C-alpha atoms as a PDB file:
ATOM      1  CA  MET A   1      15.424 -11.004   5.688  1.00  0.00           C
ATOM      2  CA  THR A   2      19.160 -11.832   6.097  1.00  0.00           C
ATOM      3  CA  LEU A   3      20.686 -12.683   9.432  1.00  0.00           C
ATOM      4  CA  ALA A   4      22.661  -9.385   9.581  1.00  0.00           C
ATOM      5  CA  VAL A   5      19.423  -7.222   9.022  1.00  0.00           C
ATOM      6  CA  TYR A   6      17.660  -9.544  11.761  1.00  0.00           C
ATOM      7  CA  ILE A   7      20.566  -8.758  14.269  1.00  0.00           C
ATOM      8  CA  THR A   8      20.517  -5.133  13.375  1.00  0.00           C
ATOM      9  CA  VAL A   9      16.739  -4.795  14.103  1.00  0.00           C
ATOM     10  CA  VAL A  10      16.898  -6.746  17.300  1.00  0.00           C
ATOM     11  CA  THR A  11      19.965  -4.560  18.595  1.00  0.00           C
ATOM     12  CA  PHE A  12      18.086  -1.503  17.783  1.00  0.00           C
ATOM     13  CA  LEU A  13      14.863  -2.733  19.601  1.00  0.00           C
ATOM     14  CA  LEU A  14      17.016  -3.673  22.772  1.00  0.00           C
ATOM     15  CA  GLY A  15      18.667  -0.224  22.601  1.00  0.00           C
ATOM     16  CA  VAL A  16      15.315   1.475  22.607  1.00  0.00           C
ATOM     17  CA  ALA A  17      14.313  -0.466  25.670  1.00  0.00           C
ATOM     18  CA  GLN A  18      16.980   1.245  27.806  1.00  0.00           C
ATOM     19  CA  ALA A  19      14.943   4.306  28.400  1.00  0.00           C
ATOM     20  CA  ARG A  20      12.051   5.452  30.713  1.00  0.00           C
ATOM     21  CA  LEU A  21       9.100   7.704  30.610  1.00  0.00           C
ATOM     22  CA  VAL A  22       9.000  10.941  32.434  1.00  0.00           C
ATOM     23  CA  PHE A  23       5.879  13.249  32.989  1.00  0.00           C
ATOM     24  CA  PRO A  24       6.381  16.892  33.800  1.00  0.00           C
ATOM     25  CA  PRO A  25       4.212  17.964  36.772  1.00  0.00           C
ATOM     26  CA  GLY A  26       0.664  18.698  35.922  1.00  0.00           C
ATOM     27  CA  SER A  27       1.102  17.461  32.326  1.00  0.00           C
ATOM     28  CA  ASP A  28      -0.140  14.158  30.621  1.00  0.00           C
ATOM     29  CA  MET A  29       2.559  14.700  27.922  1.00  0.00           C
ATOM     30  CA  GLY A  30       5.318  12.044  28.674  1.00  0.00           C
ATOM     31  CA  TYR A  31       8.810  11.976  27.259  1.00  0.00           C
ATOM     32  CA  ILE A  32      11.140   9.086  26.640  1.00  0.00           C
ATOM     33  CA  VAL A  33      14.715   9.706  28.339  1.00  0.00           C
ATOM     34  CA  SER A  34      17.755   7.528  28.046  1.00  0.00           C
ATOM     35  CA  ASP A  35      18.911   5.490  31.078  1.00  0.00           C
ATOM     36  CA  ASP A  36      22.388   5.501  29.721  1.00  0.00           C
ATOM     37  CA  PRO A  37      24.675   6.464  32.502  1.00  0.00           C
ATOM     38  CA  GLU A  38      26.625   8.964  30.398  1.00  0.00           C
ATOM     39  CA  THR A  39      23.365  10.916  29.523  1.00  0.00           C
ATOM     40  CA  LYS A  40      21.707  10.384  32.931  1.00  0.00           C
ATOM     41  CA  PHE A  41      18.621  12.616  33.206  1.00  0.00           C
ATOM     42  CA  ASP A  42      18.803  15.010  36.109  1.00  0.00           C
ATOM     43  CA  GLU A  43      14.993  14.631  37.203  1.00  0.00           C
ATOM     44  CA  ALA A  44      15.242  17.116  40.084  1.00  0.00           C
ATOM     45  CA  ASN A  45      16.639  19.954  37.986  1.00  0.00           C
ATOM     46  CA  GLY A  46      16.003  18.999  34.461  1.00  0.00           C
ATOM     47  CA  ILE A  47      12.262  18.550  34.211  1.00  0.00           C
ATOM     48  CA  ASP A  48      11.642  22.071  32.862  1.00  0.00           C
ATOM     49  CA  GLU A  49      14.368  21.415  30.233  1.00  0.00           C
ATOM     50  CA  LEU A  50      12.122  18.754  28.616  1.00  0.00           C
ATOM     51  CA  VAL A  51      10.180  21.426  26.844  1.00  0.00           C
ATOM     52  CA  ASP A  52      13.154  23.284  25.746  1.00  0.00           C
ATOM     53  CA  ASP A  53      13.754  23.391  22.034  1.00  0.00           C
ATOM     54  CA  ASN A  54      17.460  22.942  22.796  1.00  0.00           C
ATOM     55  CA  TYR A  55      16.957  19.496  24.059  1.00  0.00           C
ATOM     56  CA  GLU A  56      14.515  18.214  21.444  1.00  0.00           C
ATOM     57  CA  LYS A  57      17.248  16.084  19.820  1.00  0.00           C
ATOM     58  CA  HIS A  58      17.548  14.061  23.232  1.00  0.00           C
ATOM     59  CA  LEU A  59      13.744  13.411  23.459  1.00  0.00           C
ATOM     60  CA  LEU A  60      11.141  11.256  21.913  1.00  0.00           C
ATOM     61  CA  GLN A  61       7.621  12.613  22.397  1.00  0.00           C
ATOM     62  CA  ARG A  62       4.610  10.407  22.601  1.00  0.00           C
ATOM     63  CA  ALA A  63       3.502  10.781  18.985  1.00  0.00           C
ATOM     64  CA  GLU A  64       6.948   9.779  17.944  1.00  0.00           C
ATOM     65  CA  ARG A  65       6.882   6.885  20.280  1.00  0.00           C
ATOM     66  CA  GLU A  66       3.689   5.572  18.734  1.00  0.00           C
ATOM     67  CA  ALA A  67       5.100   5.825  15.344  1.00  0.00           C
ATOM     68  CA  ILE A  68       8.266   3.851  16.198  1.00  0.00           C
ATOM     69  CA  ASP A  69       6.122   1.272  18.140  1.00  0.00           C
ATOM     70  CA  ALA A  70       3.997   0.604  15.152  1.00  0.00           C
ATOM     71  CA  VAL A  71       7.162   0.309  12.979  1.00  0.00           C
ATOM     72  CA  GLU A  72       8.710  -1.963  15.462  1.00  0.00           C
ATOM     73  CA  SER A  73       5.600  -4.170  15.549  1.00  0.00           C
ATOM     74  CA  ALA A  74       5.434  -4.451  11.845  1.00  0.00           C
ATOM     75  CA  LEU A  75       9.183  -5.261  11.655  1.00  0.00           C
ATOM     76  CA  LEU A  76       8.912  -8.113  14.150  1.00  0.00           C
ATOM     77  CA  ARG A  77       5.956  -9.505  12.556  1.00  0.00           C
ATOM     78  CA  ARG A  78       7.699  -9.499   9.195  1.00  0.00           C
ATOM     79  CA  ILE A  79      10.797 -11.183  10.646  1.00  0.00           C
ATOM     80  CA  GLN A  80       8.614 -13.888  12.261  1.00  0.00           C
ATOM     81  CA  ASP A  81       6.916 -14.511   8.870  1.00  0.00           C
ATOM     82  CA  ARG A  82      10.045 -14.785   7.019  1.00  0.00           C
ATOM     83  CA  ILE A  83      11.423 -17.333   9.577  1.00  0.00           C
ATOM     84  CA  ARG A  84       8.330 -19.550   8.978  1.00  0.00           C
ATOM     85  CA  ILE A  85       9.047 -19.498   5.339  1.00  0.00           C
ATOM     86  CA  ALA A  86      11.218 -22.448   4.342  1.00  0.00           C
ATOM     87  CA  LYS A  87      11.723 -22.009   0.618  1.00  0.00           C
ATOM     88  CA  ASP A  88      10.706 -20.004  -2.347  1.00  0.00           C
ATOM     89  CA  VAL A  89       8.376 -21.140  -5.085  1.00  0.00           C
ATOM     90  CA  GLU A  90       9.683 -20.427  -8.598  1.00  0.00           C
ATOM     91  CA  ASP A  91       9.235 -17.013  -9.931  1.00  0.00           C
ATOM     92  CA  GLU A  92       6.172 -16.807 -12.138  1.00  0.00           C
ATOM     93  CA  TYR A  93       7.676 -13.731 -13.994  1.00  0.00           C
ATOM     94  CA  PRO A  94      10.555 -11.431 -13.135  1.00  0.00           C
ATOM     95  CA  GLN A  95       8.350  -8.924 -11.352  1.00  0.00           C
ATOM     96  CA  THR A  96       6.696 -11.539  -9.220  1.00  0.00           C
ATOM     97  CA  THR A  97       7.487 -13.986  -6.540  1.00  0.00           C
ATOM     98  CA  VAL A  98       5.014 -16.237  -4.753  1.00  0.00           C
ATOM     99  CA  LYS A  99       6.020 -17.535  -1.324  1.00  0.00           C
ATOM    100  CA  ASP A 100       4.479 -20.110   1.103  1.00  0.00           C
ATOM    101  CA  ALA A 101       5.452 -21.718   4.224  1.00  0.00           C
ATOM    102  CA  ASN A 102       3.692 -25.013   3.572  1.00  0.00           C
ATOM    103  CA  ARG A 103       4.676 -25.014  -0.212  1.00  0.00           C
ATOM    104  CA  MET A 104       0.893 -24.853  -1.048  1.00  0.00           C
ATOM    105  CA  ALA A 105       0.082 -24.733  -4.613  1.00  0.00           C
ATOM    106  CA  ALA A 106      -2.109 -22.035  -6.077  1.00  0.00           C
ATOM    107  CA  VAL A 107      -5.274 -24.262  -5.700  1.00  0.00           C
ATOM    108  CA  PRO A 108      -5.453 -25.793  -2.333  1.00  0.00           C
ATOM    109  CA  ASP A 109      -6.299 -29.534  -2.300  1.00  0.00           C
ATOM    110  CA  ASN A 110      -9.514 -29.005  -0.187  1.00  0.00           C
ATOM    111  CA  LEU A 111     -10.906 -26.339  -2.510  1.00  0.00           C
ATOM    112  CA  PRO A 112     -14.290 -27.272  -3.971  1.00  0.00           C
ATOM    113  CA  GLU A 113     -14.324 -28.137  -7.586  1.00  0.00           C
ATOM    114  CA  ASN A 114     -16.660 -25.309  -8.335  1.00  0.00           C
ATOM    115  CA  MET A 115     -13.937 -22.908  -7.111  1.00  0.00           C
ATOM    116  CA  LYS A 116     -11.283 -24.185  -9.438  1.00  0.00           C
ATOM    117  CA  ASP A 117     -10.615 -22.520 -12.681  1.00  0.00           C
ATOM    118  CA  ASP A 118      -8.371 -23.600 -15.771  1.00  0.00           C
ATOM    119  CA  LYS A 119      -7.560 -20.145 -16.620  1.00  0.00           C
ATOM    120  CA  HIS A 120      -6.696 -18.589 -13.249  1.00  0.00           C
ATOM    121  CA  GLY A 121      -6.303 -21.474 -11.133  1.00  0.00           C
ATOM    122  CA  VAL A 122      -8.944 -20.155  -8.704  1.00  0.00           C
ATOM    123  CA  ALA A 123     -12.195 -18.834  -9.876  1.00  0.00           C
ATOM    124  CA  MET A 124     -12.362 -14.975  -9.545  1.00  0.00           C
ATOM    125  CA  GLY A 125     -15.122 -13.032  -7.606  1.00  0.00           C
ATOM    126  CA  VAL A 126     -16.519 -16.095  -5.690  1.00  0.00           C
ATOM    127  CA  PRO A 127     -16.123 -15.626  -1.976  1.00  0.00           C
ATOM    128  CA  HIS A 128     -15.134 -18.820   0.045  1.00  0.00           C
ATOM    129  CA  ILE A 129     -13.988 -19.337   3.467  1.00  0.00           C
ATOM    130  CA  LYS A 130     -11.368 -21.941   2.338  1.00  0.00           C
ATOM    131  CA  CYS A 131      -9.837 -19.563  -0.144  1.00  0.00           C
ATOM    132  CA  ASP A 132     -10.641 -15.736  -0.158  1.00  0.00           C
ATOM    133  CA  ASN A 133     -13.876 -14.420   1.416  1.00  0.00           C
ATOM    134  CA  GLY A 134     -12.589 -10.814   1.789  1.00  0.00           C
ATOM    135  CA  LYS A 135     -12.742 -11.124   5.561  1.00  0.00           C
ATOM    136  CA  VAL A 136     -10.599 -13.983   6.889  1.00  0.00           C
ATOM    137  CA  ASN A 137      -6.842 -14.125   7.116  1.00  0.00           C
ATOM    138  CA  LEU A 138      -6.403 -10.624   5.662  1.00  0.00           C
ATOM    139  CA  SER A 139      -3.185 -10.071   7.617  1.00  0.00           C
ATOM    140  CA  VAL A 140      -1.314 -12.151   5.019  1.00  0.00           C
ATOM    141  CA  ASP A 141      -1.352  -9.091   2.761  1.00  0.00           C
ATOM    142  CA  TRP A 142      -1.674  -6.286   5.458  1.00  0.00           C
ATOM    143  CA  ASN A 143      -1.349  -6.380   9.223  1.00  0.00           C
ATOM    144  CA  GLU A 144      -3.389  -3.209   9.437  1.00  0.00           C
ATOM    145  CA  SER A 145      -0.398  -1.152  10.540  1.00  0.00           C
ATOM    146  CA  PRO A 146      -1.271   2.710  10.410  1.00  0.00           C
ATOM    147  CA  VAL A 147       2.318   3.111   9.087  1.00  0.00           C
ATOM    148  CA  ASN A 148       0.806   2.316   5.521  1.00  0.00           C
ATOM    149  CA  TYR A 149      -1.493   5.312   5.633  1.00  0.00           C
ATOM    150  CA  THR A 150      -0.421   7.870   8.064  1.00  0.00           C
ATOM    151  CA  CYS A 151       2.084  10.555   7.784  1.00  0.00           C
ATOM    152  CA  TYR A 152       4.213  10.294  10.863  1.00  0.00           C
ATOM    153  CA  ASP A 153       6.625  13.147  10.401  1.00  0.00           C
ATOM    154  CA  PRO A 154       6.889  14.424  14.030  1.00  0.00           C
ATOM    155  CA  LYS A 155       6.793  18.129  12.884  1.00  0.00           C
ATOM    156  CA  HIS A 156       3.680  17.212  10.710  1.00  0.00           C
ATOM    157  CA  HIS A 157       5.861  18.460   7.721  1.00  0.00           C
ATOM    158  CA  ARG A 158       4.607  17.519   4.184  1.00  0.00           C
ATOM    159  CA  LEU A 159       6.750  16.384   1.392  1.00  0.00           C
ATOM    160  CA  PRO A 160       8.200  19.337  -0.454  1.00  0.00           C
ATOM    161  CA  VAL A 161       6.657  19.946  -3.885  1.00  0.00           C
ATOM    162  CA  GLN A 162       9.294  19.895  -6.562  1.00  0.00           C
ATOM    163  CA  GLU A 163       7.517  21.803  -9.359  1.00  0.00           C
ATOM    164  CA  ASP A 164      10.090  21.483 -11.888  1.00  0.00           C
ATOM    165  CA  LEU A 165      10.522  17.787 -11.543  1.00  0.00           C
ATOM    166  CA  LYS A 166       8.953  15.978 -14.628  1.00  0.00           C
ATOM    167  CA  SER A 167       6.798  12.819 -14.258  1.00  0.00           C
ATOM    168  CA  VAL A 168       8.011   9.417 -15.162  1.00  0.00           C
ATOM    169  CA  THR A 169       5.985   6.932 -17.215  1.00  0.00           C
ATOM    170  CA  GLN A 170       7.094   3.320 -17.399  1.00  0.00           C
ATOM    171  CA  CYS A 171       5.589   0.342 -19.137  1.00  0.00           C
ATOM    172  CA  VAL A 172       6.702  -3.293 -19.081  1.00  0.00           C
ATOM    173  CA  ASN A 173       6.429  -5.733 -22.053  1.00  0.00           C
ATOM    174  CA  ILE A 174       3.901  -8.184 -20.803  1.00  0.00           C
ATOM    175  CA  PRO A 175       3.626 -11.578 -22.889  1.00  0.00           C
ATOM    176  CA  PRO A 176       0.416 -11.309 -24.887  1.00  0.00           C
ATOM    177  CA  ASN A 177      -0.726 -14.696 -23.437  1.00  0.00           C
ATOM    178  CA  TYR A 178      -0.003 -13.972 -19.911  1.00  0.00           C
ATOM    179  CA  VAL A 179      -2.843 -14.571 -17.481  1.00  0.00           C
ATOM    180  CA  PRO A 180      -2.245 -13.703 -13.910  1.00  0.00           C
ATOM    181  CA  GLN A 181      -2.946 -16.393 -11.361  1.00  0.00           C
ATOM    182  CA  HIS A 182      -5.389 -16.282  -8.462  1.00  0.00           C
ATOM    183  CA  TYR A 183      -3.978 -17.280  -5.088  1.00  0.00           C
ATOM    184  CA  CYS A 184      -6.043 -18.002  -1.989  1.00  0.00           C
ATOM    185  CA  MET A 185      -5.203 -16.335   1.332  1.00  0.00           C
ATOM    186  CA  GLY A 186      -3.135 -19.456   2.408  1.00  0.00           C
ATOM    187  CA  THR A 187      -0.433 -18.342   0.037  1.00  0.00           C
ATOM    188  CA  GLU A 188       1.724 -15.095   0.479  1.00  0.00           C
ATOM    189  CA  ILE A 189       2.215 -13.037  -2.543  1.00  0.00           C
ATOM    190  CA  SER A 190       5.033 -10.371  -2.831  1.00  0.00           C
ATOM    191  CA  TYR A 191       6.506  -8.468  -5.810  1.00  0.00           C
ATOM    192  CA  ASN A 192      10.024  -7.705  -6.950  1.00  0.00           C
ATOM    193  CA  SER A 193       8.857  -4.240  -7.845  1.00  0.00           C
ATOM    194  CA  SER A 194       8.135  -1.542  -5.436  1.00  0.00           C
ATOM    195  CA  LEU A 195       5.455  -0.345  -7.982  1.00  0.00           C
ATOM    196  CA  PRO A 196       3.990  -3.486  -9.622  1.00  0.00           C
ATOM    197  CA  VAL A 197       1.993  -3.156 -12.839  1.00  0.00           C
ATOM    198  CA  TYR A 198       0.766  -6.767 -13.270  1.00  0.00           C
ATOM    199  CA  GLY A 199       1.103  -9.978 -11.411  1.00  0.00           C
ATOM    200  CA  PRO A 200      -0.736 -12.603  -9.447  1.00  0.00           C
ATOM    201  CA  HIS A 201      -3.396 -11.494  -7.061  1.00  0.00           C
ATOM    202  CA  ARG A 202      -6.284 -12.415  -4.889  1.00  0.00           C
ATOM    203  CA  PRO A 203      -9.626 -13.845  -6.406  1.00  0.00           C
ATOM    204  CA  LEU A 204     -11.783 -10.903  -4.881  1.00  0.00           C
ATOM    205  CA  TRP A 205     -11.043  -7.689  -6.260  1.00  0.00           C
ATOM    206  CA  PRO A 206     -11.884  -4.388  -4.541  1.00  0.00           C
ATOM    207  CA  THR A 207     -15.039  -2.430  -4.913  1.00  0.00           C
ATOM    208  CA  TYR A 208     -14.199   0.676  -6.921  1.00  0.00           C
ATOM    209  CA  GLY A 209     -13.711   3.627  -4.818  1.00  0.00           C
ATOM    210  CA  GLU A 210     -11.331   5.260  -2.262  1.00  0.00           C
ATOM    211  CA  TYR A 211      -9.843   3.366   0.642  1.00  0.00           C
ATOM    212  CA  THR A 212      -8.015   4.028   3.996  1.00  0.00           C
ATOM    213  CA  PHE A 213      -5.572   1.485   2.564  1.00  0.00           C
ATOM    214  CA  VAL A 214      -5.847  -1.509   0.126  1.00  0.00           C
ATOM    215  CA  PRO A 215      -2.824  -3.725  -0.656  1.00  0.00           C
ATOM    216  CA  PRO A 216      -1.348  -4.387  -4.124  1.00  0.00           C
ATOM    217  CA  GLN A 217      -2.485  -7.988  -3.782  1.00  0.00           C
ATOM    218  CA  ARG A 218      -5.956  -6.557  -4.355  1.00  0.00           C
ATOM    219  CA  TRP A 219      -5.601  -3.580  -6.589  1.00  0.00           C
ATOM    220  CA  LEU A 220      -3.571  -5.612  -9.209  1.00  0.00           C
ATOM    221  CA  HIS A 221      -6.806  -7.439  -9.787  1.00  0.00           C
ATOM    222  CA  THR A 222      -8.389  -3.932 -10.486  1.00  0.00           C
ATOM    223  CA  VAL A 223      -5.824  -3.258 -13.243  1.00  0.00           C
ATOM    224  CA  GLU A 224      -6.426  -6.673 -14.733  1.00  0.00           C
ATOM    225  CA  HIS A 225      -9.944  -5.595 -15.273  1.00  0.00           C
ATOM    226  CA  GLY A 226      -8.990  -2.397 -16.916  1.00  0.00           C
ATOM    227  CA  GLY A 227      -9.192  -0.196 -13.952  1.00  0.00           C
ATOM    228  CA  VAL A 228      -6.929   2.561 -12.856  1.00  0.00           C
ATOM    229  CA  VAL A 229      -5.405   2.834  -9.475  1.00  0.00           C
ATOM    230  CA  MET A 230      -4.198   6.158  -7.783  1.00  0.00           C
ATOM    231  CA  LEU A 231      -1.450   5.981  -5.375  1.00  0.00           C
ATOM    232  CA  TYR A 232      -0.287   8.648  -2.949  1.00  0.00           C
ATOM    233  CA  HIS A 233       2.488   8.933  -0.341  1.00  0.00           C
ATOM    234  CA  PRO A 234       0.845   9.504   3.142  1.00  0.00           C
ATOM    235  CA  CYS A 235       2.881  12.697   3.600  1.00  0.00           C
ATOM    236  CA  ALA A 236       2.141  14.002  -0.026  1.00  0.00           C
ATOM    237  CA  GLU A 237       0.772  17.588  -0.185  1.00  0.00           C
ATOM    238  CA  PRO A 238      -2.986  17.269   0.469  1.00  0.00           C
ATOM    239  CA  LEU A 239      -3.860  19.867  -2.257  1.00  0.00           C
ATOM    240  CA  LEU A 240      -2.047  17.826  -4.799  1.00  0.00           C
ATOM    241  CA  VAL A 241      -3.802  14.587  -3.693  1.00  0.00           C
ATOM    242  CA  GLN A 242      -7.070  16.186  -3.963  1.00  0.00           C
ATOM    243  CA  ARG A 243      -6.458  17.652  -7.194  1.00  0.00           C
ATOM    244  CA  LEU A 244      -5.472  14.080  -8.756  1.00  0.00           C
ATOM    245  CA  LYS A 245      -8.483  12.582  -7.046  1.00  0.00           C
ATOM    246  CA  LYS A 246     -10.745  15.209  -8.702  1.00  0.00           C
ATOM    247  CA  VAL A 247      -9.302  14.528 -12.184  1.00  0.00           C
ATOM    248  CA  LEU A 248      -9.454  10.658 -11.719  1.00  0.00           C
ATOM    249  CA  THR A 249     -13.062  10.485 -10.270  1.00  0.00           C
ATOM    250  CA  GLY A 250     -14.308  12.935 -13.030  1.00  0.00           C
ATOM    251  CA  CYS A 251     -12.903  10.773 -15.707  1.00  0.00           C
ATOM    252  CA  PHE A 252     -13.357   7.185 -14.804  1.00  0.00           C
ATOM    253  CA  ARG A 253     -15.387   4.997 -12.501  1.00  0.00           C
ATOM    254  CA  LYS A 254     -13.315   1.818 -12.444  1.00  0.00           C
ATOM    255  CA  HIS A 255     -10.757   3.313  -9.876  1.00  0.00           C
ATOM    256  CA  VAL A 256      -9.241   2.601  -6.671  1.00  0.00           C
ATOM    257  CA  ILE A 257      -7.595   5.255  -4.503  1.00  0.00           C
ATOM    258  CA  THR A 258      -5.296   4.379  -1.813  1.00  0.00           C
ATOM    259  CA  PRO A 259      -2.303   5.607   0.186  1.00  0.00           C
ATOM    260  CA  TYR A 260       0.998   3.806  -0.698  1.00  0.00           C
ATOM    261  CA  SER A 261       4.161   4.441   1.219  1.00  0.00           C
ATOM    262  CA  ASN A 262       6.543   2.774  -1.327  1.00  0.00           C
ATOM    263  CA  LEU A 263       6.428   5.811  -3.575  1.00  0.00           C
ATOM    264  CA  THR A 264       9.501   7.992  -3.661  1.00  0.00           C
ATOM    265  CA  VAL A 265       9.447  11.394  -1.863  1.00  0.00           C
ATOM    266  CA  GLU A 266      10.394  13.125  -5.044  1.00  0.00           C
ATOM    267  CA  ARG A 267       7.288  11.837  -6.963  1.00  0.00           C
ATOM    268  CA  PRO A 268       4.644  10.945  -4.276  1.00  0.00           C
ATOM    269  CA  LEU A 269       1.869  10.632  -6.639  1.00  0.00           C
ATOM    270  CA  ALA A 270       1.223   7.779  -9.124  1.00  0.00           C
ATOM    271  CA  LEU A 271      -1.444   6.169 -11.431  1.00  0.00           C
ATOM    272  CA  VAL A 272      -1.229   2.385 -12.382  1.00  0.00           C
ATOM    273  CA  ALA A 273      -2.872   0.809 -15.122  1.00  0.00           C
ATOM    274  CA  TRP A 274      -2.309  -2.626 -16.753  1.00  0.00           C
ATOM    275  CA  GLY A 275       1.371  -2.943 -17.548  1.00  0.00           C
ATOM    276  CA  CYS A 276       2.202   0.953 -16.929  1.00  0.00           C
ATOM    277  CA  SER A 277       2.589   3.546 -14.245  1.00  0.00           C
ATOM    278  CA  ILE A 278       3.059   7.214 -14.255  1.00  0.00           C
ATOM    279  CA  GLU A 279       4.822   8.867 -11.160  1.00  0.00           C
ATOM    280  CA  MET A 280       4.456  12.488 -10.482  1.00  0.00           C
ATOM    281  CA  ALA A 281       5.665  15.341  -8.384  1.00  0.00           C
ATOM    282  CA  VAL A 282       2.748  17.536  -9.359  1.00  0.00           C
ATOM    283  CA  VAL A 283      -0.556  17.148 -11.129  1.00  0.00           C
ATOM    284  CA  ASP A 284      -0.711  18.194 -14.747  1.00  0.00           C
ATOM    285  CA  GLU A 285      -4.395  17.703 -15.615  1.00  0.00           C
ATOM    286  CA  LYS A 286      -3.891  17.235 -19.381  1.00  0.00           C
ATOM    287  CA  GLU A 287      -1.058  14.648 -18.822  1.00  0.00           C
ATOM    288  CA  VAL A 288      -3.287  12.686 -16.099  1.00  0.00           C
ATOM    289  CA  LYS A 289      -6.275  12.595 -18.435  1.00  0.00           C
ATOM    290  CA  ALA A 290      -3.954  11.482 -21.387  1.00  0.00           C
ATOM    291  CA  PHE A 291      -2.737   8.608 -19.291  1.00  0.00           C
ATOM    292  CA  ILE A 292      -6.260   7.486 -18.209  1.00  0.00           C
ATOM    293  CA  LYS A 293      -7.529   7.492 -21.824  1.00  0.00           C
ATOM    294  CA  LYS A 294      -4.661   5.782 -23.245  1.00  0.00           C
ATOM    295  CA  ARG A 295      -4.115   3.086 -20.422  1.00  0.00           C
ATOM    296  CA  ALA A 296      -7.543   2.405 -19.031  1.00  0.00           C
ATOM    297  CA  LEU A 297      -9.761  -0.658 -20.039  1.00  0.00           C
ATOM    298  CA  HIS A 298      -6.504  -2.718 -21.041  1.00  0.00           C
ATOM    299  CA  GLY A 299      -5.677  -6.031 -19.469  1.00  0.00           C
ATOM    300  CA  PRO A 300      -6.829  -9.618 -19.989  1.00  0.00           C
ATOM    301  CA  GLU A 301     -10.418  -8.666 -18.725  1.00  0.00           C
ATOM    302  CA  GLY A 302     -10.087  -4.973 -19.362  1.00  0.00           C
ATOM    303  CA  HIS A 303     -13.761  -4.363 -20.537  1.00  0.00           C
ATOM    304  CA  MET A 304     -15.340  -6.132 -17.458  1.00  0.00           C
ATOM    305  CA  ALA A 305     -17.678  -3.735 -15.826  1.00  0.00           C
ATOM    306  CA  LYS A 306     -18.787  -5.768 -12.826  1.00  0.00           C
ATOM    307  CA  ASP A 307     -17.776  -4.235  -9.486  1.00  0.00           C
ATOM    308  CA  GLY A 308     -15.577  -6.121  -7.002  1.00  0.00           C
ATOM    309  CA  SER A 309     -16.783  -7.545  -3.606  1.00  0.00           C
ATOM    310  CA  PHE A 310     -13.824  -6.854  -1.376  1.00  0.00           C
ATOM    311  CA  ASN A 311     -14.548  -3.570   0.649  1.00  0.00           C
ATOM    312  CA  GLN A 312     -12.539  -3.682   3.700  1.00  0.00           C
ATOM    313  CA  TYR A 313     -11.721  -0.121   4.817  1.00  0.00           C
ATOM    314  CA  LEU A 314     -13.766   1.350   1.902  1.00  0.00           C
ATOM    315  CA  ILE A 315     -14.208   5.005   2.467  1.00  0.00           C
ATOM    316  CA  ALA A 316     -16.363   6.050  -0.503  1.00  0.00           C
ATOM    317  CA  LYS A 317     -17.648   3.932  -3.364  1.00  0.00           C
ATOM    318  CA  ALA A 318     -16.888   5.176  -6.870  1.00  0.00           C
ATOM    319  CA  GLU A 319     -19.708   6.723  -8.942  1.00  0.00           C
ATOM    320  CA  TYR A 320     -20.261   7.233 -12.608  1.00  0.00           C
ATOM    321  CA  PRO A 321     -18.965  10.375 -13.845  1.00  0.00           C
ATOM    322  CA  PRO A 322     -21.605  12.677 -15.417  1.00  0.00           C
ATOM    323  CA  GLY A 323     -22.013  11.580 -19.095  1.00  0.00           C
ATOM    324  CA  SER A 324     -20.416   8.049 -18.581  1.00  0.00           C
ATOM    325  CA  ASP A 325     -22.480   4.756 -18.626  1.00  0.00           C
ATOM    326  CA  ASN A 326     -21.985   1.140 -17.418  1.00  0.00           C
ATOM    327  CA  SER A 327     -19.667   0.264 -20.197  1.00  0.00           C
ATOM    328  CA  ASP A 328     -17.097   2.849 -18.872  1.00  0.00           C
ATOM    329  CA  LYS A 329     -15.920   3.342 -22.278  1.00  0.00           C
ATOM    330  CA  ASN A 330     -16.606   6.997 -22.341  1.00  0.00           C
ATOM    331  CA  ILE A 331     -13.531   8.155 -20.325  1.00  0.00           C
ATOM    332  CA  CYS A 332     -13.484  11.857 -19.189  1.00  0.00           C
ATOM    333  CA  PRO A 333     -16.830  12.419 -20.647  1.00  0.00           C
ATOM    334  CA  MET A 334     -16.938  16.110 -19.586  1.00  0.00           C
ATOM    335  CA  ASP A 335     -13.528  16.764 -21.379  1.00  0.00           C
ATOM    336  CA  LYS A 336     -14.045  19.339 -24.139  1.00  0.00           C
ATOM    337  CA  ASP A 337     -10.803  18.521 -25.853  1.00  0.00           C
END
């Protein structure tokens, strides 16, 4: 966060503060109106004008205010976090940066020996209060802001569906000997890509299934185990979201489904597997199945069938599709092609 950006955010927040809340008689719907002398609100004669469409551009209704409050809080917390960060740790790979205020190593000094691992730095899948138990210090990855999973368009508009826009598939060249490191919750992990397809992550991976929200620091462990992650913009067309869910859940148990606001508005749907992603404007069932069949079960531990233990905000646990088994090798088992 540069100084210029910080000043801009603070100036914006101070500007928003120069306003007051007005309630029309007999209504519990409040409106934010400016206290700027040049746009002074005539409370005696103008209360009825609050509900006039011609004045919408001058007003912020309660739902919009809640959205702005959530964004402001997240921004302030982010600024405070950045201020505490003194220096950056060297990049592990071009896509990835690991940052930590205390210059902590991947393996804390006080971590028990049985939690250490020569391969990943920290043993995977072992809950521990001094590292990662899936319950403590989770705000390092996500501050539980509803911005990450809620469509806050004040008119409740959904993103327009661009039916003629082709999907985009991208894969990165991961070194064959690359092994992603596991970092305890005392270390912040961020990614230089808005849609990472590999990188360091937390020791505990998510239980397969659908979530209110799960951060990439968790689901990148899923793709290391050969899983497929479905991402969708919170304002994506619900029918398309449901269609993509149906195809994925009918093909493959080892999946995680979560909203993800970093997707583009042009292609608000995506699948991520080890080293690859596909971003979509619409759902082409054949294309989706082809991606899953080709990209699933890859990764350094791609054939690990064991489920994860991280389950914060899990909505529904994944089930084996009819015709599949606990090896997960029979992908899209009901597909007649």
